[in-house]
N, C-alpha and C. Protein backbone atom coordinates (compact mmCIF):
# COMPACT_ATOMS: atom_id res chain seq x y z
N MET A 1 78.71 117.77 135.16
CA MET A 1 79.98 117.78 134.35
C MET A 1 80.52 116.37 134.17
N ALA A 2 80.54 115.66 135.34
CA ALA A 2 81.13 114.31 135.39
C ALA A 2 80.27 113.35 134.53
N VAL A 3 78.92 113.58 134.61
CA VAL A 3 78.02 112.72 133.84
C VAL A 3 78.16 112.93 132.38
N ARG A 4 78.37 114.18 131.93
CA ARG A 4 78.59 114.50 130.53
C ARG A 4 79.88 113.85 130.04
N ASP A 5 80.97 113.96 130.88
CA ASP A 5 82.27 113.33 130.52
C ASP A 5 82.14 111.85 130.34
N THR A 6 81.37 111.23 131.32
CA THR A 6 81.17 109.73 131.19
C THR A 6 80.41 109.40 129.99
N ASP A 7 79.33 110.13 129.64
CA ASP A 7 78.60 109.83 128.40
C ASP A 7 79.50 109.99 127.18
N ALA A 8 80.34 111.00 127.13
CA ALA A 8 81.21 111.21 126.02
C ALA A 8 82.17 110.10 125.88
N CYS A 9 82.69 109.63 127.01
CA CYS A 9 83.64 108.51 126.97
C CYS A 9 82.99 107.21 126.47
N HIS A 10 81.72 106.93 126.91
CA HIS A 10 81.01 105.78 126.43
C HIS A 10 80.81 105.91 124.89
N ARG A 11 80.42 107.04 124.46
CA ARG A 11 80.09 107.24 123.03
C ARG A 11 81.47 107.04 122.22
N ARG A 12 82.50 107.60 122.73
CA ARG A 12 83.83 107.49 122.04
C ARG A 12 84.27 106.07 121.91
N ARG A 13 84.14 105.35 123.06
CA ARG A 13 84.54 103.92 123.07
C ARG A 13 83.73 103.04 122.09
N ALA A 14 82.42 103.34 122.04
CA ALA A 14 81.56 102.62 121.16
C ALA A 14 81.95 102.87 119.70
N GLU A 15 82.31 104.10 119.44
CA GLU A 15 82.70 104.49 118.05
C GLU A 15 84.09 103.89 117.71
N ILE A 16 85.03 103.85 118.69
CA ILE A 16 86.33 103.21 118.50
C ILE A 16 86.15 101.77 118.18
N GLN A 17 85.28 101.12 118.94
CA GLN A 17 85.10 99.70 118.64
C GLN A 17 84.51 99.44 117.27
N ALA A 18 83.57 100.35 116.87
CA ALA A 18 82.99 100.20 115.50
C ALA A 18 84.05 100.42 114.41
N MET A 19 84.88 101.53 114.62
CA MET A 19 85.86 101.88 113.60
C MET A 19 86.88 100.77 113.47
N LEU A 20 87.26 100.22 114.54
CA LEU A 20 88.34 99.18 114.51
C LEU A 20 87.78 97.89 113.97
N SER A 21 86.52 97.59 114.07
CA SER A 21 85.96 96.41 113.54
C SER A 21 85.86 96.54 111.96
N ARG A 22 85.72 97.81 111.49
CA ARG A 22 85.71 98.06 110.04
C ARG A 22 87.14 98.12 109.49
N ASN A 23 88.06 98.69 110.25
CA ASN A 23 89.47 98.83 109.76
C ASN A 23 90.37 98.54 110.94
N PRO A 24 90.87 97.32 111.14
CA PRO A 24 91.75 96.94 112.19
C PRO A 24 93.09 97.60 112.11
N PHE A 25 93.43 98.21 110.97
CA PHE A 25 94.77 98.79 110.82
C PHE A 25 94.94 100.23 111.39
N LEU A 26 93.87 100.76 111.87
CA LEU A 26 93.89 102.11 112.39
C LEU A 26 94.79 102.18 113.64
N SER A 27 95.63 103.19 113.67
CA SER A 27 96.55 103.28 114.84
C SER A 27 95.94 104.22 115.88
N ASP A 28 96.49 104.11 117.15
CA ASP A 28 96.02 104.97 118.18
C ASP A 28 96.16 106.45 117.83
N LYS A 29 97.25 106.79 117.16
CA LYS A 29 97.44 108.18 116.74
C LYS A 29 96.36 108.68 115.80
N SER A 30 96.01 107.86 114.80
CA SER A 30 94.98 108.29 113.89
C SER A 30 93.60 108.40 114.57
N LEU A 31 93.37 107.46 115.51
CA LEU A 31 92.04 107.56 116.25
C LEU A 31 92.02 108.74 117.18
N ALA A 32 93.16 109.05 117.78
CA ALA A 32 93.26 110.24 118.69
C ALA A 32 93.00 111.52 117.87
N SER A 33 93.54 111.56 116.66
CA SER A 33 93.34 112.76 115.81
C SER A 33 91.88 112.90 115.40
N HIS A 34 91.25 111.71 115.17
CA HIS A 34 89.81 111.77 114.75
C HIS A 34 88.93 112.27 115.90
N PHE A 35 89.22 111.84 117.10
CA PHE A 35 88.33 112.18 118.29
C PHE A 35 88.86 113.47 118.97
N GLY A 36 90.01 114.03 118.64
CA GLY A 36 90.51 115.21 119.31
C GLY A 36 90.96 114.96 120.68
N VAL A 37 91.56 113.71 121.03
CA VAL A 37 92.06 113.39 122.32
C VAL A 37 93.52 112.95 122.17
N SER A 38 94.15 112.58 123.23
CA SER A 38 95.53 112.15 123.13
C SER A 38 95.58 110.66 122.78
N PRO A 39 96.69 110.19 122.25
CA PRO A 39 96.87 108.74 122.04
C PRO A 39 96.81 107.93 123.33
N GLN A 40 97.18 108.54 124.49
CA GLN A 40 97.13 107.84 125.70
C GLN A 40 95.68 107.56 126.13
N THR A 41 94.75 108.52 125.80
CA THR A 41 93.33 108.32 126.09
C THR A 41 92.80 107.21 125.21
N VAL A 42 93.17 107.19 123.99
CA VAL A 42 92.70 106.08 123.10
C VAL A 42 93.17 104.73 123.58
N ARG A 43 94.45 104.73 124.05
CA ARG A 43 95.07 103.48 124.59
C ARG A 43 94.24 102.98 125.78
N LEU A 44 93.87 103.87 126.68
CA LEU A 44 93.07 103.49 127.82
C LEU A 44 91.68 103.06 127.42
N ASP A 45 91.15 103.64 126.38
CA ASP A 45 89.83 103.20 125.90
C ASP A 45 89.90 101.82 125.31
N ARG A 46 90.98 101.55 124.56
CA ARG A 46 91.18 100.23 123.93
C ARG A 46 91.33 99.15 125.05
N MET A 47 92.10 99.49 126.06
CA MET A 47 92.28 98.50 127.14
C MET A 47 90.95 98.22 127.87
N ALA A 48 90.16 99.25 128.08
CA ALA A 48 88.86 99.07 128.70
C ALA A 48 87.97 98.18 127.95
N LEU A 49 88.11 98.31 126.57
CA LEU A 49 87.30 97.53 125.62
C LEU A 49 87.85 96.08 125.35
N GLY A 50 89.11 95.86 125.84
CA GLY A 50 89.76 94.57 125.61
C GLY A 50 90.24 94.43 124.19
N ILE A 51 90.57 95.52 123.52
CA ILE A 51 91.06 95.53 122.10
C ILE A 51 92.59 95.60 122.13
N PRO A 52 93.28 94.69 121.52
CA PRO A 52 94.71 94.73 121.49
C PRO A 52 95.27 95.89 120.62
N ASP A 53 96.53 96.14 120.79
CA ASP A 53 97.11 97.27 120.02
C ASP A 53 97.22 96.91 118.48
N GLN A 54 97.65 97.92 117.69
CA GLN A 54 97.60 97.80 116.24
C GLN A 54 98.48 96.59 115.79
N ARG A 55 99.67 96.50 116.40
CA ARG A 55 100.56 95.41 115.93
C ARG A 55 99.92 94.01 116.19
N GLU A 56 99.32 93.84 117.34
CA GLU A 56 98.71 92.57 117.66
C GLU A 56 97.52 92.30 116.80
N ARG A 57 96.78 93.34 116.50
CA ARG A 57 95.50 93.20 115.64
C ARG A 57 95.97 92.76 114.20
N THR A 58 97.04 93.48 113.75
CA THR A 58 97.53 93.19 112.37
C THR A 58 98.03 91.78 112.35
N LYS A 59 98.76 91.32 113.36
CA LYS A 59 99.28 89.99 113.39
C LYS A 59 98.19 88.94 113.32
N LYS A 60 97.15 89.13 114.16
CA LYS A 60 96.06 88.18 114.16
C LYS A 60 95.30 88.16 112.81
N LEU A 61 95.07 89.30 112.26
CA LEU A 61 94.39 89.36 110.97
C LEU A 61 95.23 88.69 109.90
N ALA A 62 96.58 88.93 109.91
CA ALA A 62 97.44 88.26 108.92
C ALA A 62 97.43 86.73 109.09
N GLU A 63 97.42 86.24 110.30
CA GLU A 63 97.38 84.86 110.48
C GLU A 63 96.05 84.22 109.91
N MET A 64 94.98 84.98 110.09
CA MET A 64 93.66 84.48 109.64
C MET A 64 93.65 84.47 108.09
N VAL A 65 94.12 85.61 107.47
CA VAL A 65 94.14 85.67 106.05
C VAL A 65 95.02 84.66 105.41
N TYR A 66 96.34 84.60 105.88
CA TYR A 66 97.26 83.69 105.26
C TYR A 66 96.87 82.26 105.51
N GLY A 67 96.13 82.00 106.58
CA GLY A 67 95.67 80.64 106.82
C GLY A 67 94.58 80.12 105.81
N ARG A 68 93.99 81.06 105.03
CA ARG A 68 93.03 80.61 104.00
C ARG A 68 93.74 80.18 102.73
N VAL A 69 95.01 80.58 102.50
CA VAL A 69 95.65 80.29 101.23
C VAL A 69 96.03 78.78 101.18
N LYS A 70 95.69 78.17 100.07
CA LYS A 70 95.99 76.76 99.91
C LYS A 70 97.26 76.48 99.12
N SER A 71 97.56 77.37 98.16
CA SER A 71 98.57 77.01 97.15
C SER A 71 100.02 77.44 97.51
N LEU A 72 100.19 78.30 98.53
CA LEU A 72 101.49 78.87 98.86
C LEU A 72 101.63 78.96 100.34
N PRO A 73 102.82 78.70 100.90
CA PRO A 73 103.10 79.02 102.30
C PRO A 73 103.29 80.52 102.49
N PRO A 74 103.03 81.06 103.62
CA PRO A 74 103.14 82.53 103.81
C PRO A 74 104.47 83.15 103.35
N GLN A 75 105.59 82.44 103.56
CA GLN A 75 106.90 83.01 103.24
C GLN A 75 107.16 83.15 101.72
N GLU A 76 106.28 82.50 100.92
CA GLU A 76 106.44 82.52 99.50
C GLU A 76 105.50 83.53 98.84
N ILE A 77 104.67 84.22 99.58
CA ILE A 77 103.79 85.23 99.04
C ILE A 77 104.54 86.57 99.01
N ILE A 78 104.63 87.19 97.88
CA ILE A 78 105.36 88.46 97.73
C ILE A 78 104.36 89.58 98.06
N GLY A 79 104.80 90.43 98.99
CA GLY A 79 103.94 91.50 99.43
C GLY A 79 103.15 91.04 100.69
N GLU A 80 102.40 91.92 101.28
CA GLU A 80 101.63 91.66 102.46
C GLU A 80 100.20 91.32 102.03
N LEU A 81 99.73 90.17 102.29
CA LEU A 81 98.31 89.79 101.91
C LEU A 81 97.34 90.40 102.87
N LEU A 82 96.45 91.19 102.38
CA LEU A 82 95.50 91.84 103.26
C LEU A 82 94.17 91.06 103.33
N ASP A 83 93.75 90.51 102.21
CA ASP A 83 92.47 89.79 102.20
C ASP A 83 92.48 88.79 101.02
N VAL A 84 91.72 87.71 101.22
CA VAL A 84 91.57 86.74 100.16
C VAL A 84 90.30 85.98 100.31
N GLU A 85 89.57 85.86 99.20
CA GLU A 85 88.39 85.00 99.16
C GLU A 85 88.67 84.03 98.04
N LEU A 86 88.97 82.73 98.43
CA LEU A 86 89.41 81.73 97.46
C LEU A 86 88.41 81.65 96.30
N GLY A 87 88.98 81.60 95.13
CA GLY A 87 88.15 81.45 93.91
C GLY A 87 87.48 82.70 93.46
N LYS A 88 87.70 83.84 94.21
CA LYS A 88 86.98 85.05 93.84
C LYS A 88 87.97 86.29 93.74
N SER A 89 88.56 86.63 94.87
CA SER A 89 89.41 87.88 94.85
C SER A 89 90.36 87.89 95.96
N ALA A 90 91.42 88.76 95.82
CA ALA A 90 92.49 88.86 96.84
C ALA A 90 93.14 90.31 96.69
N ILE A 91 93.67 90.72 97.76
CA ILE A 91 94.39 92.06 97.85
C ILE A 91 95.70 91.91 98.55
N SER A 92 96.78 92.51 97.98
CA SER A 92 98.05 92.57 98.73
C SER A 92 98.65 93.96 98.53
N VAL A 93 99.60 94.26 99.44
CA VAL A 93 100.30 95.58 99.34
C VAL A 93 101.77 95.34 99.50
N MET A 94 102.55 96.07 98.79
CA MET A 94 104.03 95.91 98.81
C MET A 94 104.67 97.33 98.73
N GLU A 95 105.53 97.61 99.61
CA GLU A 95 106.28 98.87 99.47
C GLU A 95 107.53 98.72 98.66
N ALA A 96 107.76 99.65 97.73
CA ALA A 96 108.90 99.62 96.85
C ALA A 96 110.14 100.11 97.58
N THR A 97 111.12 99.27 97.82
CA THR A 97 112.27 99.60 98.68
C THR A 97 113.53 99.83 97.76
N PRO A 98 114.54 100.41 98.29
CA PRO A 98 115.74 100.66 97.54
C PRO A 98 116.37 99.32 97.00
N GLU A 99 116.22 98.22 97.70
CA GLU A 99 116.80 96.94 97.24
C GLU A 99 116.12 96.53 96.00
N MET A 100 114.90 96.90 95.67
CA MET A 100 114.22 96.50 94.51
C MET A 100 114.55 97.35 93.25
N ALA A 101 115.31 98.44 93.43
CA ALA A 101 115.45 99.41 92.38
C ALA A 101 116.78 99.37 91.66
N PHE A 102 116.81 99.88 90.47
CA PHE A 102 118.09 100.10 89.80
C PHE A 102 118.79 101.19 90.48
N GLU A 103 120.06 101.05 90.70
CA GLU A 103 120.78 102.02 91.51
C GLU A 103 120.86 103.44 90.85
N ARG A 104 120.98 103.44 89.56
CA ARG A 104 121.21 104.73 88.88
C ARG A 104 119.90 105.53 88.75
N SER A 105 118.75 104.83 88.44
CA SER A 105 117.50 105.51 88.10
C SER A 105 116.52 105.57 89.28
N GLY A 106 116.71 104.60 90.22
CA GLY A 106 115.72 104.49 91.31
C GLY A 106 114.39 103.88 90.91
N ILE A 107 114.33 103.36 89.65
CA ILE A 107 113.12 102.69 89.16
C ILE A 107 113.12 101.24 89.62
N ILE A 108 111.98 100.78 90.06
CA ILE A 108 111.83 99.40 90.56
C ILE A 108 111.92 98.45 89.45
N ARG A 109 112.67 97.38 89.61
CA ARG A 109 112.79 96.33 88.63
C ARG A 109 111.49 95.68 88.36
N SER A 110 111.17 95.36 87.12
CA SER A 110 109.84 94.86 86.76
C SER A 110 109.54 93.55 87.40
N HIS A 111 110.55 92.69 87.62
CA HIS A 111 110.18 91.35 88.11
C HIS A 111 109.66 91.38 89.56
N TYR A 112 109.88 92.40 90.33
CA TYR A 112 109.30 92.55 91.65
C TYR A 112 107.79 92.81 91.54
N ILE A 113 107.39 93.71 90.62
CA ILE A 113 106.03 93.99 90.42
C ILE A 113 105.29 92.72 89.90
N PHE A 114 105.97 92.08 88.93
CA PHE A 114 105.31 90.84 88.49
C PHE A 114 105.17 89.78 89.56
N ALA A 115 106.21 89.67 90.36
CA ALA A 115 106.18 88.63 91.46
C ALA A 115 105.01 88.86 92.45
N GLN A 116 104.81 90.13 92.76
CA GLN A 116 103.66 90.43 93.62
C GLN A 116 102.34 89.97 93.00
N ALA A 117 102.15 90.31 91.73
CA ALA A 117 100.93 89.97 91.04
C ALA A 117 100.76 88.46 90.85
N ASP A 118 101.89 87.79 90.49
CA ASP A 118 101.85 86.36 90.25
C ASP A 118 101.53 85.58 91.52
N SER A 119 102.15 85.97 92.63
CA SER A 119 101.87 85.26 93.88
C SER A 119 100.43 85.52 94.38
N LEU A 120 99.96 86.68 94.02
CA LEU A 120 98.52 87.04 94.36
C LEU A 120 97.51 86.14 93.55
N ALA A 121 97.87 85.92 92.26
CA ALA A 121 97.09 85.00 91.46
C ALA A 121 97.13 83.56 92.00
N PHE A 122 98.28 83.19 92.50
CA PHE A 122 98.41 81.86 93.15
C PHE A 122 97.49 81.85 94.38
N SER A 123 97.56 82.85 95.21
CA SER A 123 96.92 82.90 96.46
C SER A 123 95.40 82.80 96.33
N VAL A 124 94.84 83.39 95.29
CA VAL A 124 93.40 83.42 95.17
C VAL A 124 92.85 82.10 94.65
N MET A 125 93.72 81.18 94.14
CA MET A 125 93.27 79.95 93.64
C MET A 125 92.79 78.97 94.72
N ASP A 126 91.61 78.35 94.54
CA ASP A 126 91.11 77.45 95.47
C ASP A 126 91.58 76.00 95.18
N ALA A 127 92.94 75.82 95.26
CA ALA A 127 93.57 74.53 94.95
C ALA A 127 94.90 74.49 95.71
N GLY A 128 95.31 73.23 95.99
CA GLY A 128 96.53 73.07 96.75
C GLY A 128 97.82 73.18 95.95
N SER A 129 97.76 72.81 94.63
CA SER A 129 98.92 72.84 93.81
C SER A 129 98.54 73.56 92.48
N VAL A 130 99.25 74.60 92.20
CA VAL A 130 98.90 75.52 91.11
C VAL A 130 100.16 75.89 90.29
N VAL A 131 99.95 76.08 88.95
CA VAL A 131 101.00 76.68 88.13
C VAL A 131 100.48 77.78 87.29
N THR A 132 101.31 78.70 86.84
CA THR A 132 100.87 79.69 85.91
C THR A 132 101.09 79.11 84.45
N GLY A 133 100.04 79.13 83.69
CA GLY A 133 100.14 78.67 82.28
C GLY A 133 100.49 79.74 81.31
N ILE A 134 99.79 80.83 81.42
CA ILE A 134 99.98 82.00 80.45
C ILE A 134 99.88 83.28 81.30
N ALA A 135 100.75 84.27 80.97
CA ALA A 135 100.64 85.53 81.58
C ALA A 135 100.75 86.61 80.52
N ASN A 136 99.75 87.49 80.47
CA ASN A 136 99.71 88.60 79.54
C ASN A 136 99.92 89.85 80.38
N LEU A 137 101.10 90.50 80.18
CA LEU A 137 101.47 91.59 81.10
C LEU A 137 101.51 92.94 80.41
N LYS A 138 101.17 94.04 81.16
CA LYS A 138 101.31 95.35 80.66
C LYS A 138 101.83 96.22 81.81
N PHE A 139 103.00 96.79 81.64
CA PHE A 139 103.56 97.72 82.68
C PHE A 139 103.18 99.16 82.20
N LYS A 140 102.36 99.86 82.97
CA LYS A 140 101.77 101.05 82.59
C LYS A 140 102.69 102.29 82.76
N ARG A 141 103.44 102.31 83.89
CA ARG A 141 104.38 103.39 84.13
C ARG A 141 105.46 102.97 85.06
N PRO A 142 106.65 103.62 85.17
CA PRO A 142 107.64 103.23 86.09
C PRO A 142 107.23 103.45 87.55
N VAL A 143 107.71 102.60 88.36
CA VAL A 143 107.47 102.69 89.80
C VAL A 143 108.82 103.01 90.50
N ARG A 144 108.76 103.96 91.45
CA ARG A 144 109.99 104.40 92.15
C ARG A 144 110.01 104.05 93.64
N ILE A 145 111.14 104.20 94.18
CA ILE A 145 111.38 103.89 95.65
C ILE A 145 110.37 104.64 96.49
N GLY A 146 109.76 103.99 97.43
CA GLY A 146 108.88 104.66 98.42
C GLY A 146 107.38 104.52 98.00
N GLU A 147 107.07 104.09 96.75
CA GLU A 147 105.71 103.94 96.40
C GLU A 147 105.13 102.67 97.06
N LYS A 148 103.82 102.75 97.31
CA LYS A 148 103.12 101.58 97.88
C LYS A 148 102.24 100.97 96.81
N LEU A 149 102.50 99.73 96.52
CA LEU A 149 101.81 99.05 95.42
C LEU A 149 100.72 98.18 95.96
N VAL A 150 99.48 98.53 95.61
CA VAL A 150 98.31 97.80 96.04
C VAL A 150 97.80 96.94 94.83
N ALA A 151 97.88 95.66 94.99
CA ALA A 151 97.52 94.73 93.88
C ALA A 151 96.17 94.08 94.24
N LYS A 152 95.24 94.05 93.31
CA LYS A 152 93.94 93.38 93.52
C LYS A 152 93.76 92.34 92.43
N ALA A 153 93.42 91.12 92.86
CA ALA A 153 93.17 89.99 91.96
C ALA A 153 91.72 89.65 91.85
N GLN A 154 91.28 89.35 90.70
CA GLN A 154 89.85 88.98 90.51
C GLN A 154 89.81 87.66 89.59
N VAL A 155 89.15 86.66 90.05
CA VAL A 155 88.97 85.49 89.19
C VAL A 155 87.80 85.76 88.28
N ILE A 156 88.08 85.90 87.00
CA ILE A 156 87.00 86.29 86.12
C ILE A 156 86.33 85.13 85.36
N ARG A 157 87.00 83.97 85.44
CA ARG A 157 86.40 82.82 84.80
C ARG A 157 87.07 81.56 85.32
N THR A 158 86.30 80.51 85.63
CA THR A 158 86.86 79.19 85.99
C THR A 158 86.13 78.15 85.22
N LYS A 159 86.89 77.26 84.58
CA LYS A 159 86.27 76.15 83.90
C LYS A 159 87.17 74.86 84.18
N GLY A 160 86.62 73.93 84.88
CA GLY A 160 87.41 72.80 85.22
C GLY A 160 88.63 73.19 86.08
N ASN A 161 89.85 72.79 85.61
CA ASN A 161 91.02 73.05 86.34
C ASN A 161 91.62 74.41 85.95
N LYS A 162 91.03 75.16 85.14
CA LYS A 162 91.63 76.40 84.62
C LYS A 162 90.87 77.62 85.15
N SER A 163 91.61 78.68 85.53
CA SER A 163 91.00 79.95 85.92
C SER A 163 91.74 81.08 85.25
N VAL A 164 90.95 82.06 84.84
CA VAL A 164 91.54 83.32 84.31
C VAL A 164 91.52 84.30 85.46
N VAL A 165 92.68 84.84 85.84
CA VAL A 165 92.77 85.79 86.92
C VAL A 165 93.29 87.13 86.42
N LEU A 166 92.58 88.21 86.69
CA LEU A 166 92.99 89.53 86.35
C LEU A 166 93.59 90.19 87.58
N VAL A 167 94.81 90.73 87.45
CA VAL A 167 95.45 91.38 88.58
C VAL A 167 95.80 92.88 88.13
N GLU A 168 95.36 93.81 88.88
CA GLU A 168 95.68 95.19 88.65
C GLU A 168 96.41 95.79 89.86
N THR A 169 97.51 96.44 89.58
CA THR A 169 98.38 97.00 90.67
C THR A 169 98.37 98.53 90.55
N ARG A 170 98.04 99.19 91.61
CA ARG A 170 97.97 100.66 91.63
C ARG A 170 98.89 101.30 92.63
N SER A 171 99.27 102.48 92.37
CA SER A 171 100.05 103.27 93.31
C SER A 171 99.56 104.71 93.25
N ARG A 172 99.20 105.28 94.38
CA ARG A 172 98.71 106.62 94.46
C ARG A 172 97.52 106.80 93.48
N GLY A 173 96.74 105.80 93.31
CA GLY A 173 95.60 105.88 92.52
C GLY A 173 95.85 105.60 91.03
N ASP A 174 97.11 105.51 90.62
CA ASP A 174 97.45 105.26 89.19
C ASP A 174 97.59 103.79 88.92
N LEU A 175 97.07 103.29 87.82
CA LEU A 175 97.28 101.92 87.39
C LEU A 175 98.74 101.84 86.85
N VAL A 176 99.61 100.95 87.52
CA VAL A 176 100.93 100.90 87.12
C VAL A 176 101.24 99.56 86.50
N PHE A 177 100.34 98.57 86.63
CA PHE A 177 100.63 97.27 86.09
C PHE A 177 99.29 96.52 86.01
N ARG A 178 99.19 95.73 84.90
CA ARG A 178 97.95 94.95 84.66
C ARG A 178 98.39 93.63 84.07
N ALA A 179 97.81 92.55 84.63
CA ALA A 179 98.13 91.17 84.09
C ALA A 179 96.96 90.33 84.05
N LYS A 180 96.92 89.46 83.03
CA LYS A 180 95.89 88.45 82.93
C LYS A 180 96.61 87.08 82.98
N PHE A 181 96.23 86.31 83.96
CA PHE A 181 96.96 85.01 84.16
C PHE A 181 95.97 83.85 83.81
N LEU A 182 96.49 82.85 83.21
CA LEU A 182 95.76 81.56 83.10
C LEU A 182 96.41 80.61 84.05
N MET A 183 95.75 80.24 85.10
CA MET A 183 96.23 79.39 86.17
C MET A 183 95.59 78.00 86.06
N PHE A 184 96.49 77.00 86.27
CA PHE A 184 96.11 75.60 86.26
C PHE A 184 96.22 74.99 87.64
N ALA A 185 95.20 74.23 88.08
CA ALA A 185 95.30 73.41 89.24
C ALA A 185 95.89 72.09 88.78
N LEU A 186 96.78 71.53 89.61
CA LEU A 186 97.45 70.30 89.32
C LEU A 186 96.91 69.12 90.15
N ASP A 187 97.03 67.97 89.62
CA ASP A 187 96.66 66.74 90.37
C ASP A 187 97.84 66.28 91.17
N ASP A 188 97.71 65.19 91.91
CA ASP A 188 98.74 64.71 92.83
C ASP A 188 100.01 64.36 92.14
N ALA A 189 99.95 64.06 90.83
CA ALA A 189 101.15 63.66 90.09
C ALA A 189 101.82 64.91 89.44
N GLY A 190 101.26 66.11 89.74
CA GLY A 190 101.84 67.28 89.15
C GLY A 190 101.44 67.63 87.79
N ARG A 191 100.38 66.97 87.34
CA ARG A 191 99.85 67.23 85.94
C ARG A 191 98.64 68.12 86.01
N ARG A 192 98.33 68.81 84.91
CA ARG A 192 97.08 69.58 84.86
C ARG A 192 95.91 68.71 84.91
N GLN A 193 95.05 68.95 85.88
CA GLN A 193 93.93 68.06 86.14
C GLN A 193 93.00 68.02 84.86
N GLY A 194 92.69 66.77 84.47
CA GLY A 194 91.69 66.54 83.43
C GLY A 194 92.14 66.84 81.98
N THR A 195 93.44 67.02 81.73
CA THR A 195 93.94 67.36 80.42
C THR A 195 94.89 66.24 79.98
N PRO A 196 94.52 65.39 79.09
CA PRO A 196 95.40 64.33 78.55
C PRO A 196 96.62 64.96 77.89
N ARG A 197 97.77 64.28 78.01
CA ARG A 197 99.00 64.83 77.50
C ARG A 197 98.92 65.19 76.00
N ALA A 198 98.24 64.31 75.22
CA ALA A 198 98.19 64.60 73.83
C ALA A 198 97.43 65.83 73.43
N ASP A 199 96.60 66.29 74.36
CA ASP A 199 95.79 67.50 74.10
C ASP A 199 96.40 68.74 74.65
N VAL A 200 97.52 68.72 75.29
CA VAL A 200 98.10 69.88 75.92
C VAL A 200 98.44 70.98 74.95
N ALA A 201 99.16 70.62 73.84
CA ALA A 201 99.57 71.66 72.88
C ALA A 201 98.38 72.32 72.29
N HIS A 202 97.33 71.53 71.93
CA HIS A 202 96.14 72.12 71.31
C HIS A 202 95.49 73.07 72.33
N THR A 203 95.38 72.58 73.57
CA THR A 203 94.72 73.36 74.60
C THR A 203 95.39 74.62 74.93
N GLU A 204 96.78 74.63 74.90
CA GLU A 204 97.52 75.84 75.16
C GLU A 204 97.24 76.93 74.11
N GLY A 205 97.13 76.50 72.82
CA GLY A 205 96.82 77.45 71.78
C GLY A 205 95.49 78.14 72.01
N LEU A 206 94.48 77.29 72.38
CA LEU A 206 93.16 77.89 72.68
C LEU A 206 93.19 78.74 73.88
N ASP A 207 93.94 78.33 74.91
CA ASP A 207 94.05 79.10 76.20
C ASP A 207 94.65 80.46 75.96
N GLN A 208 95.64 80.57 75.12
CA GLN A 208 96.28 81.86 74.83
C GLN A 208 95.26 82.89 74.32
N ARG A 209 94.47 82.41 73.36
CA ARG A 209 93.44 83.28 72.79
C ARG A 209 92.34 83.61 73.86
N ASN A 210 91.96 82.55 74.59
CA ASN A 210 90.96 82.77 75.55
C ASN A 210 91.28 83.72 76.67
N VAL A 211 92.52 83.68 77.17
CA VAL A 211 92.91 84.54 78.29
C VAL A 211 92.95 86.03 77.84
N GLU A 212 93.34 86.23 76.56
CA GLU A 212 93.34 87.57 76.04
C GLU A 212 91.92 88.10 75.89
N ARG A 213 91.03 87.23 75.42
CA ARG A 213 89.62 87.66 75.20
C ARG A 213 88.92 87.89 76.55
N GLU A 214 89.19 86.96 77.49
CA GLU A 214 88.55 87.08 78.83
C GLU A 214 89.02 88.35 79.52
N GLY A 215 90.31 88.64 79.45
CA GLY A 215 90.85 89.86 80.15
C GLY A 215 90.23 91.14 79.55
N ASP A 216 90.06 91.11 78.22
CA ASP A 216 89.51 92.31 77.54
C ASP A 216 88.09 92.60 77.92
N HIS A 217 87.33 91.52 78.32
CA HIS A 217 85.92 91.72 78.67
C HIS A 217 85.74 91.61 80.22
N ALA A 218 86.75 91.81 80.96
CA ALA A 218 86.66 91.60 82.44
C ALA A 218 86.13 92.82 83.15
N GLY A 219 86.01 93.90 82.50
CA GLY A 219 85.54 95.12 83.17
C GLY A 219 86.64 95.83 83.88
N GLY A 220 87.88 95.58 83.55
CA GLY A 220 88.99 96.25 84.18
C GLY A 220 89.26 97.57 83.52
N THR A 221 90.36 98.16 83.82
CA THR A 221 90.73 99.45 83.25
C THR A 221 91.08 99.25 81.75
N PRO A 222 90.54 100.10 80.82
CA PRO A 222 90.83 99.87 79.41
C PRO A 222 92.32 99.99 79.13
N GLU A 223 92.78 99.35 78.16
CA GLU A 223 94.21 99.42 77.74
C GLU A 223 94.44 100.77 77.11
N ASN A 224 95.70 101.25 77.31
CA ASN A 224 96.02 102.50 76.65
C ASN A 224 96.55 102.21 75.25
């Protein structure tokens, strides 16, 4: 009986280690529910494996993820950054709180939803200094207090100092916001890299058409 219990303990600990390596955000309570044991048992298993608690794991992961971002300090990123691969993709999550909402309707003000997406577009850029050149926005449905907004950014095209970034924000599986950003990397003097001043107006006209075309062919959710 003791041998069977020991074998079961070893198997559970091995699976706990594998599950937490795939998803560090799992709590002791959710693991306990999965294995049919008490949270205290999971806590002892974690300690035996040398795995820190959920809060410490989340903190370490956040430090690693935020440390990759070049364009913004952590305190200027709106929402919680979960993952970023510079020049490719990024994910953040933000809970809609009462402070973000209109008092009468409980609907979240649109600039909070935009700010999460805009800062995610900044975060995914592989550059130290970045500005938003053009933003094409579509708010799909109202967001209310208590909803969790998951924003995903994808760099769909980069040419020189310019990148087109598609951001889609979902809540409960529904697409609530979609934006196409044209982002510019800046040089040390704060100018768009590689664009002479005389060409800026002409370039902006082309960029407006290009960002709309790029977003429409990005493979995202079709517009309603």
